[in-house]
Protein backbone atom coordinates (compact mmCIF):
# COMPACT_ATOMS: atom_id res chain seq x y z
CA MET A 1 -5.36 -33.06 -16.69
CA ARG A 2 -7.48 -30.14 -16.58
CA LYS A 3 -8.38 -28.20 -19.90
CA GLN A 4 -6.63 -25.42 -18.64
CA VAL A 5 -3.31 -27.08 -18.69
CA SER A 6 -4.05 -28.32 -21.92
CA PHE A 7 -4.54 -24.68 -23.10
CA ALA A 8 -1.52 -23.27 -22.01
CA LEU A 9 0.51 -26.03 -23.19
CA ALA A 10 -1.05 -25.27 -26.63
CA LEU A 11 0.40 -22.11 -26.71
CA SER A 12 4.06 -23.53 -26.98
CA MET A 13 2.75 -24.52 -30.58
CA VAL A 14 2.65 -20.90 -31.79
CA MET A 15 5.94 -19.84 -30.09
CA THR A 16 7.30 -18.85 -33.59
CA SER A 17 4.82 -16.38 -33.72
CA GLY A 18 6.03 -14.56 -30.58
CA MET A 19 2.93 -14.58 -29.03
CA ALA A 20 4.04 -16.95 -25.67
CA THR A 21 6.85 -18.24 -24.08
CA VAL A 22 6.19 -21.42 -21.97
CA ALA A 23 8.71 -21.81 -18.92
CA ASN A 24 8.38 -25.47 -18.30
CA ALA A 25 6.27 -28.42 -18.79
CA ALA A 26 3.63 -29.79 -16.57
CA ALA A 27 4.58 -31.43 -13.84
CA ASP A 28 4.41 -35.38 -14.23
CA ASP A 29 5.85 -36.65 -10.88
CA GLY A 30 2.84 -36.60 -8.55
CA LYS A 31 3.04 -33.05 -7.89
CA THR A 32 0.39 -30.59 -7.82
CA ASN A 33 0.53 -28.68 -10.89
CA VAL A 34 -0.20 -24.98 -10.83
CA VAL A 35 -0.73 -23.06 -13.86
CA PHE A 36 0.83 -19.34 -13.90
CA TRP A 37 0.24 -17.09 -16.69
CA ASN A 38 1.86 -13.45 -16.72
CA SER A 39 2.86 -10.73 -19.16
CA TRP A 40 6.75 -10.45 -18.45
CA THR A 41 8.05 -11.12 -21.47
CA GLY A 42 11.19 -8.56 -21.09
CA GLY A 43 14.39 -9.40 -19.75
CA ASP A 44 12.99 -9.43 -15.92
CA GLY A 45 10.81 -12.37 -17.16
CA ASP A 46 13.97 -14.17 -17.59
CA THR A 47 14.50 -13.80 -13.96
CA LEU A 48 11.09 -14.58 -12.87
CA GLU A 49 11.36 -17.99 -15.37
CA ALA A 50 14.88 -18.79 -13.50
CA LEU A 51 13.34 -18.40 -10.41
CA VAL A 52 10.41 -20.56 -11.12
CA ASN A 53 12.56 -23.43 -12.52
CA LYS A 54 14.21 -22.90 -8.93
CA PHE A 55 11.09 -23.53 -7.00
CA ASN A 56 10.67 -26.44 -9.11
CA GLU A 57 13.44 -28.02 -8.43
CA GLU A 58 13.36 -27.48 -4.83
CA SER A 59 9.29 -28.11 -4.10
CA ASP A 60 8.62 -31.71 -3.36
CA THR A 61 4.57 -30.93 -3.61
CA VAL A 62 4.29 -28.16 -6.16
CA HIS A 63 5.17 -27.79 -9.62
CA VAL A 64 4.78 -24.22 -11.16
CA GLU A 65 3.82 -24.48 -14.93
CA MET A 66 4.27 -20.98 -16.27
CA THR A 67 3.49 -18.86 -19.55
CA ARG A 68 4.77 -15.57 -20.19
CA THR A 69 3.03 -13.92 -22.84
CA THR A 70 2.08 -11.11 -24.78
CA SER A 71 -1.34 -12.14 -25.52
CA PHE A 72 -1.89 -12.26 -21.54
CA SER A 73 -5.20 -10.14 -21.50
CA ASP A 74 -6.62 -11.71 -24.35
CA MET A 75 -5.93 -15.04 -22.81
CA LEU A 76 -7.77 -13.99 -19.61
CA GLN A 77 -11.00 -12.52 -21.27
CA THR A 78 -11.26 -15.62 -23.07
CA SER A 79 -10.63 -18.03 -20.49
CA LEU A 80 -12.19 -16.83 -17.32
CA PRO A 81 -15.79 -17.04 -18.03
CA THR A 82 -15.16 -20.82 -19.16
CA GLY A 83 -13.11 -21.83 -16.28
CA GLU A 84 -10.23 -22.79 -18.29
CA ALA A 85 -7.60 -19.72 -17.08
CA ALA A 86 -4.82 -19.99 -15.20
CA ASP A 87 -4.56 -21.01 -11.48
CA LEU A 88 -2.32 -18.39 -10.75
CA VAL A 89 -1.89 -14.65 -12.74
CA LEU A 90 0.13 -11.92 -12.26
CA LEU A 91 -1.95 -9.13 -12.50
CA SER A 92 -2.17 -5.23 -11.86
CA THR A 93 -4.16 -4.50 -8.51
CA ASN A 94 -6.28 -1.77 -9.99
CA GLU A 95 -7.63 -4.29 -11.93
CA ILE A 96 -9.24 -6.20 -9.22
CA THR A 97 -12.71 -4.69 -9.62
CA ARG A 98 -12.76 -5.46 -13.43
CA TYR A 99 -12.24 -9.35 -12.43
CA LYS A 100 -13.58 -9.59 -9.11
CA SER A 101 -16.12 -12.26 -10.40
CA TYR A 102 -13.08 -14.40 -11.42
CA LEU A 103 -10.83 -14.39 -8.26
CA ARG A 104 -10.59 -16.40 -5.49
CA SER A 105 -10.78 -14.91 -2.03
CA MET A 106 -7.28 -15.06 -0.65
CA ASP A 107 -8.33 -14.68 3.09
CA ASP A 108 -7.03 -17.80 4.40
CA ILE A 109 -3.30 -17.37 2.96
CA TRP A 110 -2.15 -16.35 6.57
CA GLU A 111 -3.49 -19.55 7.70
CA ASN A 112 -2.09 -21.76 5.14
CA THR A 113 1.15 -20.55 4.84
CA GLY A 114 3.80 -18.49 7.06
CA LEU A 115 2.84 -15.18 5.94
CA LYS A 116 1.74 -12.70 8.12
CA GLU A 117 -0.48 -9.82 7.33
CA GLU A 118 1.38 -7.41 9.17
CA ASP A 119 4.35 -7.80 7.33
CA PHE A 120 3.23 -5.87 4.19
CA SER A 121 2.99 -2.31 4.06
CA GLN A 122 -0.73 -1.52 4.58
CA ALA A 123 -0.63 1.33 2.27
CA TYR A 124 -0.21 -1.29 -0.61
CA LEU A 125 -1.83 -4.34 0.93
CA SER A 126 -5.33 -2.44 1.28
CA MET A 127 -5.07 -1.97 -2.14
CA CYS A 128 -5.52 -5.69 -2.58
CA TYR A 129 -8.96 -5.97 -0.55
CA ASN A 130 -12.27 -5.15 -2.35
CA ASP A 131 -15.42 -5.25 0.07
CA ASP A 132 -13.04 -6.58 2.68
CA THR A 133 -12.03 -9.54 0.77
CA LEU A 134 -8.45 -9.97 0.12
CA TYR A 135 -8.16 -10.75 -3.62
CA ALA A 136 -4.39 -10.38 -4.30
CA ILE A 137 -0.97 -10.44 -2.68
CA PRO A 138 1.54 -7.30 -3.62
CA PHE A 139 4.41 -8.84 -6.23
CA GLN A 140 6.05 -5.71 -7.17
CA ILE A 141 5.59 -1.91 -7.28
CA SER A 142 6.18 -0.99 -10.98
CA THR A 143 7.72 2.61 -10.65
CA TYR A 144 8.59 4.40 -13.14
CA MET A 145 12.35 6.21 -13.18
CA MET A 146 14.83 7.98 -15.28
CA TYR A 147 17.62 6.06 -16.92
CA TYR A 148 20.47 7.95 -18.28
CA ASN A 149 23.49 7.03 -20.37
CA LYS A 150 26.65 7.61 -18.17
CA ASP A 151 28.91 7.83 -21.32
CA LEU A 152 26.76 10.34 -23.44
CA PHE A 153 26.54 12.91 -20.53
CA GLU A 154 30.07 12.64 -20.25
CA GLN A 155 30.86 13.19 -24.41
CA ALA A 156 28.49 16.28 -24.09
CA GLY A 157 29.92 18.00 -21.16
CA ILE A 158 26.90 17.25 -18.98
CA GLU A 159 27.89 16.89 -15.15
CA GLU A 160 24.74 17.11 -13.58
CA VAL A 161 21.60 14.60 -13.75
CA PRO A 162 18.54 16.53 -14.96
CA THR A 163 16.12 17.26 -11.89
CA THR A 164 13.78 19.71 -14.09
CA PHE A 165 12.14 19.03 -17.35
CA ASP A 166 13.92 22.28 -18.60
CA GLN A 167 16.98 20.39 -17.68
CA TRP A 168 16.20 17.61 -19.33
CA THR A 169 15.69 19.49 -22.87
CA GLU A 170 18.88 21.01 -22.37
CA ALA A 171 20.79 17.42 -21.78
CA ALA A 172 18.51 16.06 -24.83
CA GLU A 173 19.83 19.09 -27.18
CA LYS A 174 23.55 18.47 -26.33
CA ILE A 175 23.32 14.83 -26.56
CA SER A 176 21.27 14.99 -29.63
CA ALA A 177 24.16 17.29 -31.13
CA LEU A 178 26.48 14.15 -30.90
CA SER A 179 24.56 12.22 -33.51
CA THR A 180 25.83 11.15 -36.71
CA ALA A 181 24.85 9.73 -39.98
CA ASP A 182 26.63 6.39 -38.93
CA ASN A 183 25.42 6.53 -35.65
CA PRO A 184 22.08 8.45 -34.64
CA ILE A 185 21.72 9.44 -31.19
CA TYR A 186 18.92 11.09 -29.67
CA GLY A 187 18.86 12.76 -26.02
CA SER A 188 15.38 12.25 -25.23
CA GLY A 189 13.64 8.83 -25.22
CA LEU A 190 9.88 9.33 -24.78
CA PHE A 191 7.59 6.39 -25.97
CA TYR A 192 4.76 8.04 -28.05
CA CYS A 193 2.80 4.63 -28.07
CA TYR A 194 3.24 3.53 -24.52
CA ASN A 195 0.89 4.98 -22.13
CA GLY A 196 2.58 4.43 -18.60
CA GLN A 197 6.06 5.61 -19.61
CA ASN A 198 4.40 9.01 -21.30
CA GLN A 199 2.07 9.33 -18.35
CA SER A 200 4.75 8.73 -15.76
CA VAL A 201 6.38 12.15 -17.17
CA ILE A 202 3.05 14.04 -17.88
CA GLN A 203 2.47 13.49 -13.93
CA ARG A 204 5.50 14.98 -12.99
CA PHE A 205 4.46 18.08 -14.29
CA GLY A 206 2.01 18.49 -11.64
CA THR A 207 -1.10 17.41 -13.02
CA ASP A 208 -3.81 15.05 -11.28
CA TYR A 209 -5.26 12.09 -12.68
CA MET A 210 -6.85 11.96 -15.89
CA ILE A 211 -10.13 11.49 -14.56
CA THR A 212 -10.65 13.12 -10.99
CA GLY A 213 -13.20 12.58 -8.12
CA ASN A 214 -14.80 9.53 -6.98
CA GLU A 215 -17.77 7.25 -7.12
CA GLU A 216 -19.85 9.06 -4.03
CA ASP A 217 -19.06 12.59 -5.55
CA GLY A 218 -18.83 11.88 -9.21
CA PHE A 219 -15.81 11.70 -11.45
CA GLU A 220 -14.53 14.60 -13.89
CA ALA A 221 -12.67 14.30 -17.02
CA ASN A 222 -9.45 16.27 -16.34
CA LEU A 223 -7.39 17.16 -19.49
CA LEU A 224 -8.82 20.57 -20.57
CA ASP A 225 -8.73 23.76 -18.49
CA ASN A 226 -5.31 22.13 -16.84
CA GLN A 227 -2.21 24.06 -17.02
CA ALA A 228 0.44 21.30 -16.10
CA PHE A 229 -1.17 18.79 -18.46
CA ALA A 230 -0.82 21.49 -21.34
CA ASP A 231 2.91 22.32 -20.22
CA ALA A 232 3.52 18.81 -20.47
CA MET A 233 1.93 18.25 -23.61
CA ILE A 234 3.77 21.04 -25.44
CA TRP A 235 7.13 20.01 -23.86
CA MET A 236 6.79 16.49 -25.25
CA LYS A 237 5.75 17.93 -29.08
CA ASN A 238 8.73 20.23 -29.04
CA LEU A 239 11.23 17.30 -28.24
CA TYR A 240 9.83 15.58 -31.07
CA ASP A 241 9.84 18.45 -33.51
CA ASN A 242 13.30 19.68 -32.50
CA GLY A 243 14.45 16.29 -33.17
CA TYR A 244 15.89 15.42 -29.84
CA ASN A 245 13.14 12.49 -29.68
CA PRO A 246 13.14 9.38 -32.08
CA GLN A 247 9.91 8.32 -33.47
CA GLU A 248 10.35 4.76 -33.38
CA THR A 249 8.83 2.73 -31.06
CA ASP A 250 11.56 0.14 -29.58
CA ILE A 251 13.16 2.93 -27.39
CA ASP A 252 14.30 0.16 -25.24
CA SER A 253 16.75 -1.46 -27.99
CA MET A 254 18.34 1.97 -28.64
CA MET A 255 18.95 2.83 -24.97
CA ALA A 256 20.80 -0.58 -25.05
CA ALA A 257 22.58 0.37 -28.07
CA GLY A 258 23.99 3.48 -26.66
CA GLN A 259 21.91 5.90 -28.81
CA ILE A 260 19.51 7.35 -26.06
CA GLY A 261 20.84 9.77 -23.58
CA LEU A 262 17.94 9.99 -20.93
CA MET A 263 14.61 8.41 -20.76
CA THR A 264 11.49 7.14 -18.58
CA ASN A 265 10.71 3.40 -17.92
CA GLY A 266 10.53 1.05 -15.27
CA GLY A 267 12.49 -1.69 -13.71
CA TRP A 268 12.08 -4.17 -16.54
CA LEU A 269 14.32 -2.47 -18.50
CA LYS A 270 17.32 -2.70 -15.91
CA GLY A 271 18.22 -6.50 -16.85
CA THR A 272 18.25 -5.78 -20.55
CA LEU A 273 20.70 -2.98 -19.99
CA ASP A 274 22.69 -4.88 -17.60
CA ALA A 275 23.01 -7.57 -20.35
CA SER A 276 23.82 -4.80 -22.76
CA GLY A 277 26.59 -3.56 -21.11
CA VAL A 278 25.72 0.07 -21.41
CA ASN A 279 27.08 2.29 -18.69
CA TYR A 280 24.02 3.51 -17.40
CA GLY A 281 22.60 5.43 -14.26
CA ILE A 282 19.11 5.54 -12.51
CA ALA A 283 17.32 8.63 -11.04
CA SER A 284 14.09 9.98 -10.28
CA LEU A 285 12.17 11.76 -12.90
CA PRO A 286 12.42 15.52 -12.91
CA THR A 287 9.73 17.57 -11.61
CA VAL A 288 8.77 21.12 -12.93
CA THR A 289 10.66 22.99 -10.43
CA GLY A 290 13.16 20.20 -9.22
CA GLU A 291 11.36 19.13 -5.86
CA ASP A 292 10.75 15.57 -5.58
CA GLN A 293 6.97 14.47 -5.50
CA LYS A 294 6.48 11.32 -3.15
CA GLU A 295 2.90 11.23 -2.84
CA TYR A 296 2.60 9.57 -6.62
CA ALA A 297 4.56 6.10 -7.12
CA LEU A 298 4.08 6.83 -10.56
CA GLY A 299 3.08 3.52 -11.73
CA ASP A 300 0.90 0.59 -10.48
CA MET A 301 1.30 -2.31 -8.35
CA SER A 302 1.11 -5.91 -9.79
CA SER A 303 -0.05 -8.80 -7.41
CA PHE A 304 -0.53 -12.21 -7.50
CA MET A 305 -4.12 -13.27 -7.62
CA ILE A 306 -5.63 -16.92 -7.75
CA THR A 307 -8.29 -17.35 -10.09
CA THR A 308 -11.85 -19.35 -9.90
CA SER A 309 -10.38 -21.66 -12.52
CA ALA A 310 -8.26 -23.15 -9.69
CA THR A 311 -9.36 -25.80 -7.69
CA ASP A 312 -8.92 -26.23 -3.87
CA GLU A 313 -5.98 -27.92 -4.34
CA THR A 314 -4.14 -25.76 -6.86
CA ALA A 315 -5.08 -22.75 -5.01
CA LYS A 316 -3.60 -23.87 -1.84
CA ALA A 317 -0.54 -25.08 -3.67
CA ALA A 318 -0.32 -21.31 -5.45
CA GLU A 319 -0.21 -20.01 -2.22
CA GLU A 320 2.67 -22.19 -1.16
CA PHE A 321 4.49 -20.84 -4.12
CA ILE A 322 3.51 -17.40 -2.69
CA ASN A 323 4.96 -18.31 0.51
CA TRP A 324 8.04 -19.33 -1.53
CA TRP A 325 8.32 -16.06 -3.16
CA MET A 326 8.72 -14.03 -0.33
CA THR A 327 10.73 -16.23 2.12
CA GLY A 328 12.54 -18.97 -0.08
CA THR A 329 16.03 -18.50 -1.43
CA GLY A 330 17.22 -16.53 -4.63
CA LEU A 331 19.55 -17.60 -7.72
CA GLU A 332 23.35 -18.68 -7.30
CA ALA A 333 25.29 -16.23 -9.42
CA CYS A 334 24.90 -17.13 -13.01
CA GLU A 335 23.99 -15.70 -16.30
CA THR A 336 20.70 -14.89 -15.69
CA THR A 337 21.90 -12.66 -12.63
CA GLN A 338 25.12 -11.34 -14.41
CA ASP A 339 27.23 -13.41 -12.26
CA VAL A 340 25.69 -11.73 -9.12
CA ASP A 341 24.80 -14.13 -6.24
CA TYR A 342 21.13 -13.82 -4.46
CA SER A 343 21.43 -17.00 -2.64
CA ASN A 344 21.58 -15.30 0.54
CA VAL A 345 18.35 -13.30 -0.09
CA THR A 346 14.84 -14.27 -0.53
CA PRO A 347 13.37 -14.19 -4.45
CA ASN A 348 11.25 -11.55 -3.65
CA ALA A 349 14.41 -9.22 -2.47
CA GLU A 350 16.24 -10.72 -5.63
CA TRP A 351 13.72 -9.49 -7.67
CA SER A 352 13.57 -6.00 -6.10
CA ILE A 353 17.33 -5.24 -6.08
CA SER A 354 18.06 -6.87 -9.33
CA MET A 355 15.34 -5.40 -11.30
CA CYS A 356 15.04 -2.03 -9.30
CA TYR A 357 11.13 -2.85 -8.40
CA LEU A 358 9.88 -1.28 -5.31
CA ASN A 359 8.28 -3.54 -2.53
CA ALA A 360 5.39 -4.01 -0.32
CA TYR A 361 6.94 -6.81 1.67
CA LEU A 362 8.49 -5.13 4.89
CA PRO A 363 11.21 -7.93 5.91
CA THR A 364 12.56 -7.41 2.37
CA VAL A 365 12.02 -3.57 2.28
CA ASN A 366 13.59 -3.46 5.73
CA SER A 367 16.70 -5.73 5.00
CA LYS A 368 20.14 -4.57 4.94
CA GLU A 369 20.33 -5.67 1.18
CA TYR A 370 17.75 -3.72 -0.05
CA GLN A 371 18.46 -0.53 2.19
CA ALA A 372 22.23 -0.73 0.67
CA VAL A 373 20.60 0.00 -2.87
CA ASP A 374 20.27 3.80 -2.65
CA VAL A 375 18.21 3.95 -6.01
CA LEU A 376 15.34 1.98 -4.48
CA VAL A 377 15.41 3.95 -1.14
CA ASP A 378 15.53 7.55 -3.29
CA LEU A 379 12.63 6.25 -5.25
CA THR A 380 10.32 4.49 -2.44
CA PRO A 381 7.20 6.90 -2.54
CA SER A 382 5.51 8.06 1.00
CA GLU A 383 3.85 5.49 2.88
CA THR A 384 0.19 7.31 2.01
CA ALA A 385 1.39 7.39 -1.88
CA GLN A 386 -1.16 6.47 -4.53
CA VAL A 387 0.58 3.69 -6.87
CA GLN A 388 -1.33 4.74 -10.05
CA MET A 389 -1.37 7.20 -12.65
CA PHE A 390 -4.20 7.21 -15.04
CA THR A 391 -7.52 7.19 -12.45
CA ALA A 392 -7.94 6.69 -8.96
CA PRO A 393 -7.37 3.05 -7.73
CA GLY A 394 -10.13 0.63 -8.11
CA THR A 395 -12.27 2.84 -11.11
CA LEU A 396 -13.91 0.75 -13.53
CA PHE A 397 -12.81 2.69 -16.44
CA TYR A 398 -8.90 2.39 -15.45
CA SER A 399 -8.20 0.35 -18.84
CA ASP A 400 -9.83 2.71 -21.01
CA ALA A 401 -8.42 5.55 -19.47
CA ALA A 402 -5.18 4.14 -20.05
CA SER A 403 -5.75 3.14 -23.72
CA CYS A 404 -6.87 6.69 -24.40
CA GLN A 405 -4.01 7.92 -23.25
CA GLY A 406 -1.60 6.17 -25.63
CA ASP A 407 -3.88 7.17 -28.43
CA TYR A 408 -3.98 10.89 -27.93
CA VAL A 409 -0.33 10.93 -26.97
CA GLU A 410 0.34 9.62 -30.71
CA ASP A 411 -2.01 11.55 -32.36
CA TRP A 412 -0.41 14.70 -30.74
CA VAL A 413 3.05 13.64 -31.77
CA PHE A 414 2.18 13.17 -35.41
CA ASN A 415 -1.08 15.54 -36.00
CA GLY A 416 -0.48 18.44 -33.33
CA PRO A 417 0.36 21.56 -34.53
CA THR A 418 3.97 23.06 -34.32
CA ASP A 419 4.80 25.42 -31.64
CA PRO A 420 1.81 24.43 -29.93
CA THR A 421 0.23 26.91 -27.36
CA TYR A 422 -2.01 26.23 -24.39
CA ASP A 423 -5.17 27.10 -26.61
CA ASP A 424 -4.00 24.63 -29.31
CA VAL A 425 -4.13 22.01 -26.32
CA GLN A 426 -7.75 23.04 -25.59
CA ASP A 427 -8.76 22.33 -29.08
CA PHE A 428 -6.76 19.35 -29.76
CA PHE A 429 -7.51 17.29 -26.85
CA ALA A 430 -11.44 18.46 -26.82
CA ASP A 431 -12.17 15.06 -28.19
CA TYR A 432 -10.40 12.93 -25.84
CA GLN A 433 -11.86 14.89 -22.92
CA ALA A 434 -15.21 13.79 -24.61
CA ASP A 435 -13.96 10.08 -24.77
CA LEU A 436 -13.25 10.31 -20.93
CA GLU A 437 -16.76 11.40 -20.23
CA ASP A 438 -18.02 8.69 -21.97
CA TYR A 439 -16.26 5.96 -19.85
CA ILE A 440 -17.36 7.85 -17.02
CA ALA A 441 -21.06 7.70 -17.92
CA ASP A 442 -20.90 4.10 -19.48
CA TYR A 443 -19.57 2.62 -16.03
CA TYR A 444 -21.31 4.99 -13.35
CA ASP A 445 -24.08 6.80 -14.65
């Protein structure tokens, strides 16, 4: 057994610390063992685990040993240089540039499996290439959306789902008025400490990326002299200062407990809300004018990638699992699926339909089951949309910029001025603008 398998199994010894969850043990029946790491530790991860287990029961030749862990990034950075990483990982497609030297080419997947290149949306599959080499296969498009509590809307007398940020504020005020000492309720559920959720809202104010430009023409930090960004930050700060938005960090649990009126999050929350029984709806995030913006998918795309830690044998076995994911059959009705039968669709389709994740695999997108889900159809961006929020796809400073965004929102919420103005935003974010400029210099100068 290779060292990387031992490393993954060792994580089961620290499960009590919350670091990781091992979905299943290594194969001992002659199957090729594929070690699979990812960070899907939420409600969607339970579905992923159940589907992996289904694959293991059905496959005569391959066993997938999956680890779901909050330490995924640390594990990769430690194990990739030593060749002891997982064979198969789920990563943001924007990380290809960062990890390219540790990823195997997947150009042969079209010959090794029944998958066809033309069956994937070219707008999204193109993001999986670097220097004309295929390094990934799309898994999901993680688009942010608005979740809202239908019961709280009714109790507050709100009849229309907000389509503008002014309407968000009005709804937040009315719902927050329902709060009592015994049952605190907040109309708005922004996450000051989660960069993706916040940036999804900020960008809907009409701002471009945090860092704009390109490698050929140069990059520029984009926090200052940016009216849309300033408007977003002022709006956000006022929600907190007026008591319409909690300062807790676990907004997901509060939403599931019926304490949040509306919030932004991704498809991974859907399973948790389904299990909680809260009466909720999903809609596109508001904009300033109420007109939708289809040119930004407000998220990123996660993809299957095979690392250089894989052997030729385990790499081919990993491709067999990816092929099953796109073309196999989903789960029968069970507790994990909230008793919905998905055995007539593929695992890929079940994942999108049950978790409200957009998809790049055209046979799934064009299926009658996918097309019957109005929210998926409504949230689907334009064919040319960029699936990205922080910086342009493929930039080397993507992770740094994303981390910076989480830092500056938290700082702003707790240390920014009350009743801020445009000039306050310019003064407060000058240091963060400088940080972004340093990232540009570090990677491209």
